[in-house]
C-alpha cells in the first residue's frame, strides 16, 4: 500500500461533551470498510498462494515422476513387457529377424565348412595320386641308365 492510501490524522470537532459522535461513527465506518476490503484482498491473496502452491507441488511431483521414468528408460535395456504393444511387437519382429539371419549364417558357414572339408579330401587324394605318379617316374628314371645297356646288348625285354 502506498503512502497516499494511508489515512491522514483525523481531527474531530469538539462537541459539548467530547467529539462529534456522528463524525466519529462515520470515520469508524470508513475504517471498517477499508479493513474489510483489505481483509478480502488478503484472503484472496492467500487463496491464490495456496492454489499456486498446490500447482507447484503437482508440477514438482510430475517432474520427479518424469525424471524417475527417464532414468529407468536410460538405465534398463528394452524389455518387451515395459513397452507399448506396438513397440513390443516391433522388438519381437526384430529379434525374430535377427535369429533368422543368425540361423542362415550358421547354415551357410556349415555348408562352407563341408565344402572346404570335401575340397581338402579331394586335394589329399590328388596329392597321393601325384605322389604315386612321381614315385613311378622316379622308378622309371632310376631304371633308365640300365635300359640302354640292355638295348645295346640286344637284350630287349619284349
N, C-alpha and C. Protein backbone atom coordinates (compact mmCIF):
# COMPACT_ATOMS: atom_id res chain seq x y z
N UNK A 1 0.84 -1.16 0.00
CA UNK A 1 0.00 0.00 0.00
C UNK A 1 0.89 1.23 0.00
N UNK A 2 0.59 2.23 -0.78
CA UNK A 2 1.43 3.42 -0.88
C UNK A 2 1.08 4.39 0.22
N UNK A 3 1.91 5.41 0.36
CA UNK A 3 1.66 6.39 1.43
C UNK A 3 0.42 7.22 1.12
N UNK A 4 -0.02 7.28 -0.15
CA UNK A 4 -1.23 8.03 -0.50
C UNK A 4 -2.46 7.40 0.15
N UNK A 5 -2.43 6.12 0.35
CA UNK A 5 -3.60 5.44 0.86
C UNK A 5 -3.65 5.43 2.38
N UNK A 6 -2.57 5.87 3.00
CA UNK A 6 -2.58 5.88 4.47
C UNK A 6 -3.52 6.98 4.95
N UNK A 7 -4.30 6.66 5.95
CA UNK A 7 -5.22 7.69 6.45
C UNK A 7 -4.44 8.83 7.10
N UNK A 8 -4.90 10.02 6.86
CA UNK A 8 -4.29 11.19 7.48
C UNK A 8 -4.84 11.32 8.89
N UNK A 9 -4.07 11.94 9.73
CA UNK A 9 -4.60 12.10 11.08
C UNK A 9 -5.93 12.85 11.03
N UNK A 10 -6.82 12.33 11.72
CA UNK A 10 -8.17 12.89 11.71
C UNK A 10 -8.35 13.75 12.96
N UNK A 11 -8.91 14.85 12.72
CA UNK A 11 -9.24 15.68 13.90
C UNK A 11 -10.76 15.81 13.93
N UNK A 12 -11.26 15.59 15.04
CA UNK A 12 -12.71 15.66 15.22
C UNK A 12 -13.09 17.00 15.85
N UNK A 13 -14.26 17.41 15.44
CA UNK A 13 -14.76 18.67 16.01
C UNK A 13 -15.14 18.45 17.47
N UNK A 14 -14.88 19.41 18.25
CA UNK A 14 -15.21 19.30 19.67
C UNK A 14 -16.70 19.57 19.87
N UNK A 15 -17.27 18.76 20.61
CA UNK A 15 -18.68 18.94 20.94
C UNK A 15 -18.75 19.25 22.44
N UNK A 16 -19.96 19.38 22.90
CA UNK A 16 -20.16 19.76 24.29
C UNK A 16 -19.52 18.74 25.20
N UNK A 17 -19.68 17.58 24.96
CA UNK A 17 -19.08 16.56 25.82
C UNK A 17 -18.14 15.70 25.00
N UNK A 18 -17.10 16.10 24.45
CA UNK A 18 -16.12 15.32 23.68
C UNK A 18 -16.24 15.64 22.21
N UNK A 19 -16.06 14.61 21.38
CA UNK A 19 -16.08 14.78 19.92
C UNK A 19 -17.47 14.56 19.38
N UNK A 20 -17.65 15.00 18.10
CA UNK A 20 -18.94 14.83 17.43
C UNK A 20 -19.12 13.34 17.14
N UNK A 21 -20.13 12.81 17.72
CA UNK A 21 -20.39 11.38 17.65
C UNK A 21 -20.63 10.92 16.21
N UNK A 22 -21.38 11.62 15.39
CA UNK A 22 -21.65 11.24 14.00
C UNK A 22 -20.36 11.22 13.18
N UNK A 23 -19.53 12.21 13.42
CA UNK A 23 -18.28 12.27 12.67
C UNK A 23 -17.39 11.08 13.04
N UNK A 24 -17.32 10.74 14.32
CA UNK A 24 -16.51 9.60 14.77
C UNK A 24 -17.09 8.31 14.21
N UNK A 25 -18.39 8.14 14.24
CA UNK A 25 -19.03 6.93 13.70
C UNK A 25 -18.78 6.79 12.21
N UNK A 26 -18.84 7.93 11.49
CA UNK A 26 -18.59 7.89 10.03
C UNK A 26 -17.15 7.48 9.74
N UNK A 27 -16.25 8.04 10.51
CA UNK A 27 -14.83 7.69 10.31
C UNK A 27 -14.58 6.23 10.65
N UNK A 28 -15.17 5.75 11.72
CA UNK A 28 -15.03 4.34 12.09
C UNK A 28 -15.63 3.42 11.01
N UNK A 29 -16.73 3.85 10.43
CA UNK A 29 -17.35 3.07 9.35
C UNK A 29 -16.42 3.02 8.14
N UNK A 30 -15.79 4.15 7.81
CA UNK A 30 -14.83 4.16 6.69
C UNK A 30 -13.64 3.23 6.98
N UNK A 31 -13.15 3.31 8.21
CA UNK A 31 -12.03 2.44 8.59
C UNK A 31 -12.44 0.97 8.54
N UNK A 32 -13.61 0.66 9.01
CA UNK A 32 -14.10 -0.72 8.98
C UNK A 32 -14.24 -1.22 7.54
N UNK A 33 -14.73 -0.35 6.65
CA UNK A 33 -14.87 -0.72 5.24
C UNK A 33 -13.48 -0.97 4.63
N UNK A 34 -12.54 -0.11 4.96
CA UNK A 34 -11.19 -0.29 4.44
C UNK A 34 -10.59 -1.60 4.98
N UNK A 35 -10.80 -1.87 6.24
CA UNK A 35 -10.31 -3.12 6.85
C UNK A 35 -10.96 -4.31 6.17
N UNK A 36 -12.28 -4.20 5.90
CA UNK A 36 -12.99 -5.30 5.23
C UNK A 36 -12.40 -5.54 3.85
N UNK A 37 -12.16 -4.48 3.09
CA UNK A 37 -11.59 -4.63 1.74
C UNK A 37 -10.17 -5.20 1.80
N UNK A 38 -9.38 -4.72 2.74
CA UNK A 38 -8.02 -5.25 2.90
C UNK A 38 -8.05 -6.72 3.31
N UNK A 39 -9.00 -7.08 4.16
CA UNK A 39 -9.14 -8.48 4.57
C UNK A 39 -9.52 -9.35 3.37
N UNK A 40 -10.46 -8.84 2.56
CA UNK A 40 -10.84 -9.59 1.35
C UNK A 40 -9.64 -9.76 0.41
N UNK A 41 -8.88 -8.68 0.21
CA UNK A 41 -7.69 -8.77 -0.63
C UNK A 41 -6.69 -9.78 -0.06
N UNK A 42 -6.48 -9.73 1.26
CA UNK A 42 -5.56 -10.65 1.91
C UNK A 42 -6.02 -12.09 1.74
N UNK A 43 -7.33 -12.34 1.98
CA UNK A 43 -7.88 -13.69 1.85
C UNK A 43 -7.75 -14.20 0.41
N UNK A 44 -8.01 -13.30 -0.55
CA UNK A 44 -7.88 -13.69 -1.96
C UNK A 44 -6.42 -14.00 -2.29
N UNK A 45 -5.49 -13.20 -1.76
CA UNK A 45 -4.07 -13.44 -2.00
C UNK A 45 -3.64 -14.76 -1.36
N UNK A 46 -4.13 -15.07 -0.18
CA UNK A 46 -3.80 -16.33 0.50
C UNK A 46 -4.35 -17.51 -0.32
N UNK A 47 -5.59 -17.38 -0.78
CA UNK A 47 -6.20 -18.46 -1.58
C UNK A 47 -5.42 -18.67 -2.86
N UNK A 48 -5.03 -17.57 -3.51
CA UNK A 48 -4.25 -17.70 -4.75
C UNK A 48 -2.88 -18.33 -4.46
N UNK A 49 -2.26 -17.94 -3.35
CA UNK A 49 -0.97 -18.52 -2.97
C UNK A 49 -1.11 -20.02 -2.71
N UNK A 50 -2.19 -20.41 -2.04
CA UNK A 50 -2.42 -21.84 -1.78
C UNK A 50 -2.64 -22.60 -3.09
N UNK A 51 -3.40 -22.02 -4.01
CA UNK A 51 -3.63 -22.65 -5.32
C UNK A 51 -2.31 -22.79 -6.07
N UNK A 52 -1.53 -21.72 -6.08
CA UNK A 52 -0.23 -21.77 -6.76
C UNK A 52 0.70 -22.78 -6.10
N UNK A 53 0.64 -22.89 -4.79
CA UNK A 53 1.46 -23.87 -4.07
C UNK A 53 1.06 -25.29 -4.46
N UNK A 54 -0.25 -25.56 -4.57
CA UNK A 54 -0.71 -26.89 -4.99
C UNK A 54 -0.23 -27.19 -6.41
N UNK A 55 -0.33 -26.17 -7.29
CA UNK A 55 0.16 -26.37 -8.67
C UNK A 55 1.66 -26.63 -8.68
N UNK A 56 2.39 -25.91 -7.87
CA UNK A 56 3.84 -26.09 -7.79
C UNK A 56 4.17 -27.49 -7.29
N UNK A 57 3.47 -27.94 -6.24
CA UNK A 57 3.71 -29.27 -5.71
C UNK A 57 3.38 -30.34 -6.75
N UNK A 58 2.29 -30.13 -7.46
CA UNK A 58 1.89 -31.06 -8.52
C UNK A 58 2.94 -31.09 -9.62
N UNK A 59 3.43 -29.92 -10.03
CA UNK A 59 4.45 -29.86 -11.08
C UNK A 59 5.74 -30.51 -10.62
N UNK A 60 6.12 -30.28 -9.36
CA UNK A 60 7.33 -30.93 -8.83
C UNK A 60 7.18 -32.44 -8.80
N UNK A 61 6.02 -32.90 -8.37
CA UNK A 61 5.76 -34.34 -8.34
C UNK A 61 5.82 -34.94 -9.74
N UNK A 62 5.22 -34.26 -10.69
CA UNK A 62 5.25 -34.74 -12.08
C UNK A 62 6.67 -34.73 -12.61
N UNK A 63 7.44 -33.70 -12.29
CA UNK A 63 8.84 -33.63 -12.74
C UNK A 63 9.65 -34.78 -12.13
N UNK A 64 9.41 -35.08 -10.84
CA UNK A 64 10.10 -36.19 -10.19
C UNK A 64 9.74 -37.52 -10.85
N UNK A 65 8.45 -37.70 -11.15
CA UNK A 65 8.00 -38.93 -11.82
C UNK A 65 8.64 -39.06 -13.19
N UNK A 66 8.69 -37.96 -13.93
CA UNK A 66 9.28 -38.00 -15.27
C UNK A 66 10.78 -38.26 -15.20
N UNK A 67 11.47 -37.68 -14.20
CA UNK A 67 12.90 -37.95 -14.03
C UNK A 67 13.12 -39.43 -13.73
N UNK A 68 12.33 -39.99 -12.84
CA UNK A 68 12.46 -41.40 -12.48
C UNK A 68 12.19 -42.28 -13.70
N UNK A 69 11.17 -41.94 -14.46
CA UNK A 69 10.84 -42.71 -15.66
C UNK A 69 11.97 -42.63 -16.69
N UNK A 70 12.51 -41.45 -16.87
CA UNK A 70 13.63 -41.27 -17.79
C UNK A 70 14.84 -42.09 -17.33
N UNK A 71 15.13 -42.06 -16.04
CA UNK A 71 16.25 -42.84 -15.52
C UNK A 71 16.04 -44.33 -15.76
N UNK A 72 14.81 -44.82 -15.57
CA UNK A 72 14.53 -46.23 -15.83
C UNK A 72 14.73 -46.56 -17.29
N UNK A 73 14.26 -45.68 -18.18
CA UNK A 73 14.40 -45.93 -19.61
C UNK A 73 15.85 -45.90 -20.06
N UNK A 74 16.63 -45.02 -19.48
CA UNK A 74 18.03 -44.88 -19.89
C UNK A 74 18.87 -46.03 -19.34
N UNK A 75 18.59 -46.45 -18.12
CA UNK A 75 19.44 -47.45 -17.46
C UNK A 75 19.10 -48.89 -17.82
N UNK A 76 17.88 -49.19 -18.17
CA UNK A 76 17.50 -50.58 -18.42
C UNK A 76 17.41 -50.84 -19.91
N UNK A 77 17.78 -52.07 -20.32
CA UNK A 77 17.63 -52.40 -21.74
C UNK A 77 16.14 -52.53 -22.08
N UNK A 78 15.88 -52.54 -23.35
CA UNK A 78 14.49 -52.60 -23.81
C UNK A 78 13.87 -53.93 -23.39
N UNK A 79 12.94 -53.88 -22.49
CA UNK A 79 12.22 -55.05 -22.02
C UNK A 79 10.85 -55.03 -22.68
N UNK A 80 10.49 -56.06 -23.44
CA UNK A 80 9.21 -56.04 -24.15
C UNK A 80 8.01 -55.83 -23.23
N UNK A 81 8.10 -56.29 -21.98
CA UNK A 81 6.97 -56.14 -21.06
C UNK A 81 6.78 -54.69 -20.63
N UNK A 82 7.83 -53.89 -20.69
CA UNK A 82 7.74 -52.50 -20.24
C UNK A 82 7.34 -51.55 -21.36
N UNK A 83 7.21 -52.06 -22.57
CA UNK A 83 6.94 -51.20 -23.71
C UNK A 83 5.48 -51.31 -24.13
N UNK A 84 5.09 -50.41 -24.97
CA UNK A 84 3.74 -50.46 -25.51
C UNK A 84 3.62 -51.64 -26.47
N UNK A 85 2.41 -52.00 -26.79
CA UNK A 85 2.14 -53.16 -27.63
C UNK A 85 2.83 -53.05 -28.99
N UNK A 86 2.73 -51.90 -29.61
CA UNK A 86 3.30 -51.74 -30.95
C UNK A 86 4.83 -51.85 -30.91
N UNK A 87 5.45 -51.19 -29.95
CA UNK A 87 6.90 -51.25 -29.83
C UNK A 87 7.34 -52.66 -29.46
N UNK A 88 6.57 -53.32 -28.58
CA UNK A 88 6.90 -54.69 -28.18
C UNK A 88 6.87 -55.61 -29.41
N UNK A 89 5.84 -55.45 -30.25
CA UNK A 89 5.73 -56.26 -31.45
C UNK A 89 6.89 -55.98 -32.40
N UNK A 90 7.25 -54.71 -32.55
CA UNK A 90 8.38 -54.37 -33.42
C UNK A 90 9.67 -55.00 -32.89
N UNK A 91 9.86 -54.98 -31.58
CA UNK A 91 11.06 -55.57 -30.98
C UNK A 91 11.07 -57.08 -31.18
N UNK A 92 9.93 -57.72 -31.02
CA UNK A 92 9.85 -59.17 -31.25
C UNK A 92 10.16 -59.51 -32.70
N UNK A 93 9.61 -58.73 -33.64
CA UNK A 93 9.89 -58.96 -35.06
C UNK A 93 11.37 -58.78 -35.37
N UNK A 94 11.96 -57.77 -34.78
CA UNK A 94 13.40 -57.53 -34.99
C UNK A 94 14.22 -58.68 -34.44
N UNK A 95 13.84 -59.18 -33.27
CA UNK A 95 14.57 -60.33 -32.69
C UNK A 95 14.38 -61.58 -33.55
N UNK A 96 13.16 -61.81 -34.03
CA UNK A 96 12.92 -62.96 -34.91
C UNK A 96 13.75 -62.86 -36.18
N UNK A 97 13.79 -61.66 -36.76
CA UNK A 97 14.58 -61.45 -37.98
C UNK A 97 16.07 -61.66 -37.69
N UNK A 98 16.53 -61.18 -36.55
CA UNK A 98 17.94 -61.37 -36.18
C UNK A 98 18.23 -62.86 -35.99
N UNK A 99 17.31 -63.59 -35.35
CA UNK A 99 17.50 -65.04 -35.18
C UNK A 99 17.55 -65.74 -36.53
N UNK A 100 16.69 -65.34 -37.46
CA UNK A 100 16.69 -65.94 -38.79
C UNK A 100 18.01 -65.65 -39.52
N UNK A 101 18.51 -64.44 -39.39
CA UNK A 101 19.78 -64.08 -40.03
C UNK A 101 20.92 -64.91 -39.44
N UNK A 102 20.94 -65.05 -38.14
CA UNK A 102 21.99 -65.85 -37.49
C UNK A 102 21.88 -67.31 -37.91
N UNK A 103 20.66 -67.83 -37.97
CA UNK A 103 20.46 -69.22 -38.38
C UNK A 103 20.93 -69.44 -39.81
N UNK A 104 20.58 -68.54 -40.70
CA UNK A 104 21.01 -68.64 -42.10
C UNK A 104 22.54 -68.57 -42.18
N UNK A 105 23.13 -67.66 -41.43
CA UNK A 105 24.58 -67.53 -41.45
C UNK A 105 25.25 -68.80 -40.94
N UNK A 106 24.67 -69.42 -39.92
CA UNK A 106 25.24 -70.67 -39.39
C UNK A 106 25.13 -71.80 -40.42
N UNK A 107 23.97 -71.87 -41.10
CA UNK A 107 23.82 -72.90 -42.14
C UNK A 107 24.82 -72.69 -43.26
N UNK A 108 24.98 -71.45 -43.69
CA UNK A 108 25.93 -71.15 -44.77
C UNK A 108 27.36 -71.45 -44.32
N UNK A 109 27.68 -71.12 -43.09
CA UNK A 109 29.02 -71.40 -42.58
C UNK A 109 29.26 -72.91 -42.53
N UNK A 110 28.24 -73.67 -42.12
CA UNK A 110 28.38 -75.13 -42.08
C UNK A 110 28.57 -75.68 -43.50
N UNK A 111 27.83 -75.14 -44.47
CA UNK A 111 27.98 -75.58 -45.87
C UNK A 111 29.38 -75.26 -46.38
N UNK A 112 29.88 -74.08 -46.05
CA UNK A 112 31.23 -73.71 -46.48
C UNK A 112 32.25 -74.63 -45.83
N UNK A 113 32.07 -74.95 -44.55
CA UNK A 113 32.99 -75.88 -43.88
C UNK A 113 32.93 -77.25 -44.54
N UNK A 114 31.71 -77.73 -44.87
CA UNK A 114 31.58 -79.03 -45.54
C UNK A 114 32.28 -79.03 -46.89
N UNK A 115 32.07 -77.94 -47.68
CA UNK A 115 32.74 -77.86 -48.99
C UNK A 115 34.26 -77.80 -48.83
N UNK A 116 34.71 -77.10 -47.82
CA UNK A 116 36.15 -77.00 -47.57
C UNK A 116 36.71 -78.37 -47.19
N UNK A 117 35.98 -79.11 -46.37
CA UNK A 117 36.44 -80.45 -45.97
C UNK A 117 36.48 -81.37 -47.19
N UNK A 118 35.44 -81.29 -48.05
CA UNK A 118 35.42 -82.11 -49.27
C UNK A 118 36.57 -81.73 -50.19
N UNK A 119 36.81 -80.42 -50.33
CA UNK A 119 37.93 -79.97 -51.16
C UNK A 119 39.25 -80.45 -50.58
N UNK A 120 39.35 -80.45 -49.28
CA UNK A 120 40.58 -80.94 -48.63
C UNK A 120 40.76 -82.44 -48.91
N UNK A 121 39.68 -83.23 -48.85
CA UNK A 121 39.77 -84.67 -49.14
C UNK A 121 40.19 -84.90 -50.60
N UNK A 122 39.57 -84.14 -51.54
CA UNK A 122 39.93 -84.29 -52.95
C UNK A 122 41.38 -83.89 -53.19
N UNK A 123 41.78 -82.80 -52.56
CA UNK A 123 43.17 -82.34 -52.73
C UNK A 123 44.13 -83.39 -52.18
N UNK A 124 43.79 -83.96 -51.03
CA UNK A 124 44.66 -85.00 -50.44
C UNK A 124 44.73 -86.20 -51.37
N UNK A 125 43.58 -86.59 -51.98
CA UNK A 125 43.58 -87.73 -52.91
C UNK A 125 44.43 -87.41 -54.13
N UNK A 126 44.31 -86.21 -54.66
CA UNK A 126 45.11 -85.82 -55.83
C UNK A 126 46.60 -85.79 -55.49
N UNK A 127 46.90 -85.30 -54.29
CA UNK A 127 48.31 -85.28 -53.89
C UNK A 127 48.86 -86.70 -53.77
N UNK A 128 48.05 -87.61 -53.26
CA UNK A 128 48.51 -89.02 -53.18
C UNK A 128 48.73 -89.58 -54.59
N UNK A 129 47.79 -89.24 -55.51
CA UNK A 129 47.93 -89.72 -56.89
C UNK A 129 49.20 -89.12 -57.53
N UNK A 130 49.43 -87.85 -57.29
CA UNK A 130 50.64 -87.21 -57.83
C UNK A 130 51.88 -87.85 -57.23
N UNK A 131 51.83 -88.11 -55.92
CA UNK A 131 52.97 -88.76 -55.28
C UNK A 131 53.22 -90.13 -55.91
N UNK A 132 52.14 -90.88 -56.21
CA UNK A 132 52.30 -92.20 -56.85
C UNK A 132 52.93 -92.05 -58.23
N UNK A 133 52.45 -91.09 -59.03
CA UNK A 133 53.00 -90.87 -60.37
C UNK A 133 54.47 -90.48 -60.29
N UNK A 134 54.77 -89.59 -59.33
CA UNK A 134 56.17 -89.18 -59.16
C UNK A 134 57.04 -90.36 -58.76
N UNK A 135 56.52 -91.20 -57.88
CA UNK A 135 57.30 -92.37 -57.44
C UNK A 135 57.56 -93.30 -58.62
N UNK A 136 56.52 -93.53 -59.48
CA UNK A 136 56.72 -94.39 -60.65
C UNK A 136 57.71 -93.75 -61.63
N UNK A 137 57.60 -92.40 -61.78
CA UNK A 137 58.52 -91.71 -62.68
C UNK A 137 59.95 -91.83 -62.16
N UNK A 138 60.12 -91.73 -60.87
CA UNK A 138 61.45 -91.88 -60.30
C UNK A 138 61.97 -93.30 -60.53
N UNK A 139 61.07 -94.27 -60.38
CA UNK A 139 61.48 -95.66 -60.64
C UNK A 139 61.91 -95.84 -62.09
N UNK A 140 61.12 -95.25 -63.02
CA UNK A 140 61.45 -95.37 -64.45
C UNK A 140 62.79 -94.69 -64.72
N UNK A 141 62.98 -93.52 -64.13
CA UNK A 141 64.23 -92.81 -64.35
C UNK A 141 65.41 -93.56 -63.72
N UNK A 142 65.15 -94.22 -62.61
CA UNK A 142 66.22 -94.99 -61.98
C UNK A 142 66.58 -96.19 -62.85
N UNK A 143 65.64 -96.77 -63.58
CA UNK A 143 65.92 -97.91 -64.44
C UNK A 143 66.48 -97.47 -65.80
N UNK A 144 66.33 -96.26 -66.18
CA UNK A 144 66.74 -95.76 -67.49
C UNK A 144 68.23 -95.96 -67.77
N UNK A 145 69.12 -95.72 -66.87
CA UNK A 145 70.54 -95.95 -67.20
C UNK A 145 70.81 -97.43 -67.50
N UNK A 146 70.08 -98.35 -66.97
CA UNK A 146 70.30 -99.76 -67.24
C UNK A 146 69.69 -100.16 -68.57
N UNK A 147 68.67 -99.51 -69.07
CA UNK A 147 68.00 -99.87 -70.31
C UNK A 147 68.91 -99.70 -71.54
N UNK A 148 69.57 -98.61 -71.69
CA UNK A 148 70.41 -98.52 -72.87
C UNK A 148 71.45 -99.65 -72.92
N UNK A 149 71.94 -99.98 -71.76
CA UNK A 149 72.93 -101.05 -71.76
C UNK A 149 72.28 -102.36 -72.20
N UNK A 150 71.10 -102.59 -71.75
CA UNK A 150 70.39 -103.81 -72.16
C UNK A 150 70.05 -103.72 -73.64
N UNK A 151 69.68 -102.59 -74.12
CA UNK A 151 69.30 -102.39 -75.50
C UNK A 151 70.52 -102.55 -76.42
N UNK A 152 71.69 -102.08 -76.00
CA UNK A 152 72.89 -102.23 -76.80
C UNK A 152 73.31 -103.68 -76.89
N UNK A 153 73.06 -104.38 -75.87
CA UNK A 153 73.46 -105.78 -75.88
C UNK A 153 72.45 -106.62 -76.64
N UNK A 154 71.39 -106.00 -77.07
CA UNK A 154 70.40 -106.72 -77.83
C UNK A 154 69.45 -107.50 -76.98
N UNK A 155 69.46 -107.20 -75.76
CA UNK A 155 68.59 -107.90 -74.84
C UNK A 155 67.42 -106.97 -74.49
N UNK A 156 66.53 -106.91 -75.30
CA UNK A 156 65.38 -106.05 -75.02
C UNK A 156 64.29 -106.90 -74.43
N UNK A 157 63.65 -106.30 -73.57
CA UNK A 157 62.51 -107.00 -72.96
C UNK A 157 61.32 -106.81 -73.83
N UNK A 158 60.91 -107.87 -74.44
CA UNK A 158 59.76 -107.72 -75.28
C UNK A 158 58.95 -108.95 -75.22
